[in-house]
Amino acid sequence: MIVRITLRNGHVMMFGDSYKPWNQEFQEYCWFGATPFNNFYIKDVVVDKVEYSNEKFPSYGGLKWGTEQVIVERLKEQAENEGRKPRDYSKYVYSPAPRTMLDRIEECIRDGWRLAYSNGIHQVMPNA
């Protein structure tokens, strides 16, 4: 499965079931956003839209998440590595996320905020 999350800041990030479920990868994304050295802050994770596809997330290279461009590149790399034609990303079908998926996303974002505040990181976050 691939979960496509459109953030209010315009970024479109993709998460999928690889060696961990998509929601654990999204949770890590939020946790990394709670660190000031990434030039990314958990407050930037404001979700506008969530969709999912039943297509398989690229397993090549240990990808945890990425933009659509990164996903397409990984699909090509994986196909080359396996000696086959790449899957055609343009044919992937995305559907609106069910409420259970939205609930998991909200929980991950809350966990990211808790991490930021428990580590005192909120003190160095701009406009926090």
N, C-alpha and C. Protein backbone atom coordinates (compact mmCIF):
# COMPACT_ATOMS: atom_id res chain seq x y z
N MET A 1 0.84 -1.17 0.00
CA MET A 1 0.00 0.00 0.00
C MET A 1 0.88 1.24 0.00
N ILE A 2 0.39 2.28 -0.65
CA ILE A 2 1.06 3.58 -0.65
C ILE A 2 0.06 4.60 -0.12
N VAL A 3 0.52 5.44 0.81
CA VAL A 3 -0.31 6.51 1.35
C VAL A 3 0.30 7.82 0.89
N ARG A 4 -0.52 8.62 0.22
CA ARG A 4 -0.07 9.93 -0.29
C ARG A 4 -0.70 11.01 0.58
N ILE A 5 0.17 11.80 1.23
CA ILE A 5 -0.28 12.84 2.16
C ILE A 5 0.12 14.21 1.60
N THR A 6 -0.88 15.04 1.37
CA THR A 6 -0.63 16.40 0.90
C THR A 6 -0.67 17.31 2.13
N LEU A 7 0.45 18.00 2.36
CA LEU A 7 0.57 18.89 3.51
C LEU A 7 0.17 20.31 3.11
N ARG A 8 -0.24 21.09 4.08
CA ARG A 8 -0.68 22.46 3.82
C ARG A 8 0.43 23.30 3.21
N ASN A 9 1.70 23.00 3.52
CA ASN A 9 2.80 23.78 2.97
C ASN A 9 3.09 23.43 1.50
N GLY A 10 2.27 22.55 0.92
CA GLY A 10 2.41 22.21 -0.50
C GLY A 10 3.17 20.92 -0.77
N HIS A 11 3.88 20.41 0.21
CA HIS A 11 4.62 19.17 0.01
C HIS A 11 3.65 17.99 -0.10
N VAL A 12 3.98 17.08 -1.00
CA VAL A 12 3.24 15.82 -1.12
C VAL A 12 4.23 14.72 -0.77
N MET A 13 3.95 14.02 0.32
CA MET A 13 4.83 12.96 0.78
C MET A 13 4.13 11.62 0.66
N MET A 14 4.92 10.61 0.35
CA MET A 14 4.40 9.26 0.16
C MET A 14 5.02 8.33 1.20
N PHE A 15 4.18 7.48 1.76
CA PHE A 15 4.59 6.52 2.77
C PHE A 15 4.03 5.17 2.36
N GLY A 16 4.74 4.11 2.70
CA GLY A 16 4.22 2.81 2.29
C GLY A 16 4.63 1.70 3.22
N ASP A 17 3.96 0.59 3.03
CA ASP A 17 4.31 -0.62 3.76
C ASP A 17 5.56 -1.21 3.12
N SER A 18 6.66 -1.14 3.84
CA SER A 18 7.88 -1.80 3.37
C SER A 18 8.29 -2.74 4.48
N TYR A 19 9.41 -2.51 5.12
CA TYR A 19 9.75 -3.38 6.24
C TYR A 19 9.03 -2.95 7.52
N LYS A 20 8.42 -1.78 7.49
CA LYS A 20 7.55 -1.32 8.57
C LYS A 20 6.24 -0.85 7.94
N PRO A 21 5.13 -0.86 8.68
CA PRO A 21 3.88 -0.35 8.13
C PRO A 21 3.96 1.16 7.86
N TRP A 22 3.16 1.64 6.93
CA TRP A 22 3.20 3.05 6.51
C TRP A 22 3.03 3.99 7.70
N ASN A 23 2.16 3.65 8.65
CA ASN A 23 1.91 4.57 9.75
C ASN A 23 3.13 4.69 10.67
N GLN A 24 3.93 3.65 10.81
CA GLN A 24 5.16 3.77 11.60
C GLN A 24 6.17 4.65 10.87
N GLU A 25 6.21 4.55 9.54
CA GLU A 25 7.12 5.40 8.76
C GLU A 25 6.68 6.87 8.87
N PHE A 26 5.36 7.12 8.82
CA PHE A 26 4.86 8.48 8.97
C PHE A 26 5.17 9.00 10.38
N GLN A 27 5.06 8.13 11.36
CA GLN A 27 5.38 8.53 12.73
C GLN A 27 6.84 8.95 12.83
N GLU A 28 7.75 8.20 12.20
CA GLU A 28 9.16 8.59 12.20
C GLU A 28 9.36 9.93 11.50
N TYR A 29 8.65 10.12 10.39
CA TYR A 29 8.71 11.40 9.67
C TYR A 29 8.34 12.55 10.62
N CYS A 30 7.30 12.36 11.38
CA CYS A 30 6.89 13.38 12.36
C CYS A 30 7.93 13.54 13.46
N TRP A 31 8.50 12.44 13.92
CA TRP A 31 9.52 12.52 14.96
C TRP A 31 10.74 13.27 14.45
N PHE A 32 11.18 12.98 13.22
CA PHE A 32 12.34 13.69 12.67
C PHE A 32 12.02 15.16 12.51
N GLY A 33 10.74 15.47 12.27
CA GLY A 33 10.33 16.86 12.17
C GLY A 33 10.41 17.58 13.50
N ALA A 34 10.58 16.85 14.57
CA ALA A 34 10.68 17.46 15.89
C ALA A 34 12.12 17.79 16.25
N THR A 35 13.03 17.67 15.29
CA THR A 35 14.43 17.98 15.55
C THR A 35 14.82 19.23 14.76
N PRO A 36 15.43 20.21 15.40
CA PRO A 36 15.71 21.48 14.74
C PRO A 36 16.76 21.41 13.63
N PHE A 37 17.60 20.39 13.61
CA PHE A 37 18.66 20.35 12.62
C PHE A 37 18.18 19.94 11.23
N ASN A 38 16.93 19.52 11.12
CA ASN A 38 16.41 19.09 9.82
C ASN A 38 15.79 20.23 9.01
N ASN A 39 15.77 21.45 9.54
CA ASN A 39 15.12 22.58 8.88
C ASN A 39 13.68 22.25 8.53
N PHE A 40 13.06 21.51 9.38
CA PHE A 40 11.69 21.03 9.22
C PHE A 40 11.14 20.92 10.63
N TYR A 41 9.94 21.32 10.82
CA TYR A 41 9.39 21.33 12.16
C TYR A 41 8.04 20.65 12.19
N ILE A 42 7.74 19.99 13.28
CA ILE A 42 6.48 19.25 13.40
C ILE A 42 5.29 20.17 13.18
N LYS A 43 5.43 21.45 13.48
CA LYS A 43 4.33 22.38 13.24
C LYS A 43 4.02 22.49 11.75
N ASP A 44 4.96 22.11 10.88
CA ASP A 44 4.74 22.15 9.43
C ASP A 44 3.90 20.98 8.95
N VAL A 45 3.67 19.99 9.79
CA VAL A 45 2.89 18.83 9.39
C VAL A 45 1.41 19.13 9.64
N VAL A 46 0.83 19.86 8.70
CA VAL A 46 -0.60 20.14 8.71
C VAL A 46 -1.16 19.45 7.46
N VAL A 47 -1.96 18.46 7.68
CA VAL A 47 -2.42 17.61 6.58
C VAL A 47 -3.65 18.22 5.91
N ASP A 48 -3.59 18.35 4.59
CA ASP A 48 -4.72 18.83 3.81
C ASP A 48 -5.51 17.69 3.17
N LYS A 49 -4.79 16.64 2.75
CA LYS A 49 -5.45 15.58 2.00
C LYS A 49 -4.69 14.27 2.18
N VAL A 50 -5.43 13.18 2.32
CA VAL A 50 -4.82 11.86 2.46
C VAL A 50 -5.51 10.91 1.48
N GLU A 51 -4.69 10.23 0.71
CA GLU A 51 -5.19 9.25 -0.24
C GLU A 51 -4.34 7.99 -0.12
N TYR A 52 -4.86 6.88 -0.63
CA TYR A 52 -4.06 5.66 -0.61
C TYR A 52 -4.26 4.88 -1.90
N SER A 53 -3.27 4.07 -2.21
CA SER A 53 -3.32 3.17 -3.36
C SER A 53 -2.95 1.78 -2.87
N ASN A 54 -3.54 0.79 -3.47
CA ASN A 54 -3.21 -0.59 -3.10
C ASN A 54 -1.96 -1.09 -3.81
N GLU A 55 -1.32 -0.24 -4.59
CA GLU A 55 -0.07 -0.61 -5.26
C GLU A 55 1.02 -0.82 -4.22
N LYS A 56 1.99 -1.60 -4.59
CA LYS A 56 3.09 -1.93 -3.67
C LYS A 56 4.10 -0.77 -3.61
N PHE A 57 4.47 -0.42 -2.40
CA PHE A 57 5.49 0.60 -2.16
C PHE A 57 6.84 0.05 -2.61
N PRO A 58 7.72 0.88 -3.22
CA PRO A 58 9.02 0.37 -3.65
C PRO A 58 9.83 -0.18 -2.47
N SER A 59 10.35 -1.35 -2.62
CA SER A 59 11.13 -1.96 -1.54
C SER A 59 12.63 -1.78 -1.75
N TYR A 60 13.02 -1.30 -2.90
CA TYR A 60 14.43 -1.17 -3.23
C TYR A 60 15.08 -0.02 -2.47
N GLY A 61 16.20 -0.26 -1.84
CA GLY A 61 17.00 0.79 -1.22
C GLY A 61 16.57 1.24 0.16
N GLY A 62 15.64 0.54 0.79
CA GLY A 62 15.25 0.88 2.15
C GLY A 62 14.51 2.20 2.30
N LEU A 63 13.78 2.58 1.28
CA LEU A 63 13.04 3.84 1.30
C LEU A 63 11.98 3.83 2.40
N LYS A 64 11.95 4.88 3.21
CA LYS A 64 10.95 5.01 4.27
C LYS A 64 9.79 5.89 3.81
N TRP A 65 10.11 6.98 3.12
CA TRP A 65 9.13 7.91 2.59
C TRP A 65 9.81 8.73 1.52
N GLY A 66 9.01 9.49 0.78
CA GLY A 66 9.58 10.35 -0.25
C GLY A 66 8.51 11.12 -0.99
N THR A 67 8.97 12.04 -1.82
CA THR A 67 8.07 12.77 -2.69
C THR A 67 7.65 11.84 -3.84
N GLU A 68 6.67 12.27 -4.63
CA GLU A 68 6.26 11.45 -5.77
C GLU A 68 7.44 11.21 -6.71
N GLN A 69 8.25 12.24 -6.92
CA GLN A 69 9.40 12.10 -7.81
C GLN A 69 10.36 11.02 -7.30
N VAL A 70 10.61 11.01 -6.00
CA VAL A 70 11.50 10.01 -5.42
C VAL A 70 10.91 8.61 -5.59
N ILE A 71 9.60 8.48 -5.40
CA ILE A 71 8.95 7.18 -5.54
C ILE A 71 9.08 6.67 -6.96
N VAL A 72 8.84 7.53 -7.94
CA VAL A 72 8.96 7.13 -9.35
C VAL A 72 10.39 6.71 -9.67
N GLU A 73 11.37 7.47 -9.17
CA GLU A 73 12.78 7.11 -9.38
C GLU A 73 13.11 5.75 -8.76
N ARG A 74 12.60 5.50 -7.56
CA ARG A 74 12.86 4.21 -6.90
C ARG A 74 12.20 3.06 -7.65
N LEU A 75 11.01 3.29 -8.19
CA LEU A 75 10.36 2.23 -8.98
C LEU A 75 11.22 1.86 -10.18
N LYS A 76 11.81 2.87 -10.83
CA LYS A 76 12.70 2.62 -11.98
C LYS A 76 13.96 1.88 -11.54
N GLU A 77 14.57 2.34 -10.44
CA GLU A 77 15.79 1.69 -9.93
C GLU A 77 15.51 0.24 -9.54
N GLN A 78 14.39 0.01 -8.89
CA GLN A 78 14.03 -1.34 -8.47
C GLN A 78 13.85 -2.24 -9.68
N ALA A 79 13.18 -1.74 -10.71
CA ALA A 79 12.96 -2.53 -11.93
C ALA A 79 14.29 -2.84 -12.61
N GLU A 80 15.18 -1.86 -12.70
CA GLU A 80 16.49 -2.10 -13.30
C GLU A 80 17.27 -3.14 -12.52
N ASN A 81 17.22 -3.05 -11.20
CA ASN A 81 17.91 -4.00 -10.34
C ASN A 81 17.37 -5.41 -10.51
N GLU A 82 16.07 -5.52 -10.74
CA GLU A 82 15.43 -6.83 -10.89
C GLU A 82 15.36 -7.28 -12.35
N GLY A 83 15.87 -6.44 -13.27
CA GLY A 83 15.90 -6.81 -14.68
C GLY A 83 14.53 -6.88 -15.33
N ARG A 84 13.66 -5.97 -14.98
CA ARG A 84 12.32 -5.96 -15.57
C ARG A 84 11.90 -4.52 -15.87
N LYS A 85 10.76 -4.39 -16.53
CA LYS A 85 10.21 -3.08 -16.88
C LYS A 85 9.59 -2.44 -15.63
N PRO A 86 9.82 -1.13 -15.42
CA PRO A 86 9.25 -0.49 -14.22
C PRO A 86 7.73 -0.42 -14.26
N ARG A 87 7.13 -0.42 -13.08
CA ARG A 87 5.68 -0.21 -12.98
C ARG A 87 5.36 1.21 -13.43
N ASP A 88 4.24 1.39 -14.06
CA ASP A 88 3.83 2.68 -14.59
C ASP A 88 3.08 3.45 -13.51
N TYR A 89 3.79 4.36 -12.86
CA TYR A 89 3.21 5.11 -11.76
C TYR A 89 1.99 5.93 -12.19
N SER A 90 1.99 6.38 -13.43
CA SER A 90 0.87 7.21 -13.89
C SER A 90 -0.46 6.45 -13.89
N LYS A 91 -0.41 5.14 -13.79
CA LYS A 91 -1.63 4.33 -13.78
C LYS A 91 -2.08 3.96 -12.36
N TYR A 92 -1.34 4.40 -11.36
CA TYR A 92 -1.74 4.12 -9.99
C TYR A 92 -3.05 4.86 -9.69
N VAL A 93 -3.93 4.20 -9.00
CA VAL A 93 -5.21 4.79 -8.63
C VAL A 93 -5.20 5.07 -7.14
N TYR A 94 -5.52 6.32 -6.78
CA TYR A 94 -5.58 6.72 -5.37
C TYR A 94 -7.02 6.99 -4.97
N SER A 95 -7.37 6.55 -3.79
CA SER A 95 -8.71 6.74 -3.24
C SER A 95 -8.62 7.57 -1.96
N PRO A 96 -9.70 8.27 -1.60
CA PRO A 96 -9.70 9.01 -0.34
C PRO A 96 -9.48 8.06 0.85
N ALA A 97 -8.74 8.53 1.82
CA ALA A 97 -8.43 7.71 2.99
C ALA A 97 -9.66 7.50 3.86
N PRO A 98 -9.81 6.29 4.42
CA PRO A 98 -10.90 6.06 5.36
C PRO A 98 -10.60 6.73 6.70
N ARG A 99 -11.60 6.89 7.52
CA ARG A 99 -11.47 7.55 8.83
C ARG A 99 -10.39 6.90 9.69
N THR A 100 -10.27 5.57 9.66
CA THR A 100 -9.26 4.90 10.48
C THR A 100 -7.85 5.35 10.11
N MET A 101 -7.61 5.57 8.83
CA MET A 101 -6.29 6.04 8.38
C MET A 101 -6.05 7.47 8.85
N LEU A 102 -7.07 8.30 8.76
CA LEU A 102 -6.95 9.69 9.22
C LEU A 102 -6.68 9.74 10.72
N ASP A 103 -7.33 8.86 11.47
CA ASP A 103 -7.10 8.79 12.92
C ASP A 103 -5.66 8.43 13.24
N ARG A 104 -5.09 7.49 12.48
CA ARG A 104 -3.68 7.10 12.71
C ARG A 104 -2.75 8.26 12.42
N ILE A 105 -3.05 9.03 11.38
CA ILE A 105 -2.21 10.18 11.03
C ILE A 105 -2.25 11.22 12.14
N GLU A 106 -3.43 11.52 12.63
CA GLU A 106 -3.56 12.48 13.74
C GLU A 106 -2.77 12.02 14.96
N GLU A 107 -2.81 10.74 15.24
CA GLU A 107 -2.08 10.19 16.38
C GLU A 107 -0.57 10.36 16.19
N CYS A 108 -0.08 10.12 14.99
CA CYS A 108 1.36 10.27 14.71
C CYS A 108 1.80 11.71 14.90
N ILE A 109 0.99 12.65 14.45
CA ILE A 109 1.34 14.06 14.59
C ILE A 109 1.36 14.45 16.07
N ARG A 110 0.38 14.00 16.84
CA ARG A 110 0.37 14.27 18.29
C ARG A 110 1.62 13.70 18.95
N ASP A 111 2.01 12.49 18.55
CA ASP A 111 3.22 11.88 19.12
C ASP A 111 4.45 12.71 18.80
N GLY A 112 4.51 13.29 17.60
CA GLY A 112 5.62 14.16 17.22
C GLY A 112 5.68 15.39 18.09
N TRP A 113 4.53 16.00 18.36
CA TRP A 113 4.48 17.16 19.26
C TRP A 113 4.94 16.78 20.66
N ARG A 114 4.48 15.61 21.15
CA ARG A 114 4.88 15.17 22.50
C ARG A 114 6.40 15.01 22.57
N LEU A 115 6.98 14.43 21.53
CA LEU A 115 8.43 14.25 21.50
C LEU A 115 9.13 15.61 21.54
N ALA A 116 8.65 16.56 20.74
CA ALA A 116 9.27 17.87 20.70
C ALA A 116 9.25 18.53 22.06
N TYR A 117 8.11 18.49 22.73
CA TYR A 117 7.99 19.15 24.02
C TYR A 117 8.71 18.40 25.13
N SER A 118 8.72 17.08 25.08
CA SER A 118 9.41 16.32 26.13
C SER A 118 10.91 16.50 26.05
N ASN A 119 11.44 16.83 24.87
CA ASN A 119 12.87 17.04 24.71
C ASN A 119 13.26 18.51 24.73
N GLY A 120 12.30 19.39 25.01
CA GLY A 120 12.60 20.82 25.06
C GLY A 120 12.86 21.43 23.70
N ILE A 121 12.57 20.71 22.64
CA ILE A 121 12.87 21.20 21.30
C ILE A 121 11.96 22.36 20.93
N HIS A 122 10.79 22.43 21.52
CA HIS A 122 9.85 23.51 21.20
C HIS A 122 10.47 24.88 21.45
N GLN A 123 11.49 24.94 22.32
CA GLN A 123 12.10 26.21 22.64
C GLN A 123 12.90 26.78 21.47
N VAL A 124 13.33 25.93 20.55
CA VAL A 124 14.11 26.43 19.41
C VAL A 124 13.31 26.40 18.11
N MET A 125 12.03 26.02 18.21
CA MET A 125 11.20 25.98 17.02
C MET A 125 10.67 27.38 16.72
N PRO A 126 10.79 27.84 15.48
CA PRO A 126 10.29 29.17 15.17
C PRO A 126 8.78 29.22 15.28
N ASN A 127 8.29 30.31 15.84
CA ASN A 127 6.84 30.55 15.95
C ASN A 127 6.11 29.42 16.67
N ALA A 128 6.76 28.70 17.55
CA ALA A 128 6.09 27.61 18.25
C ALA A 128 5.26 28.13 19.40
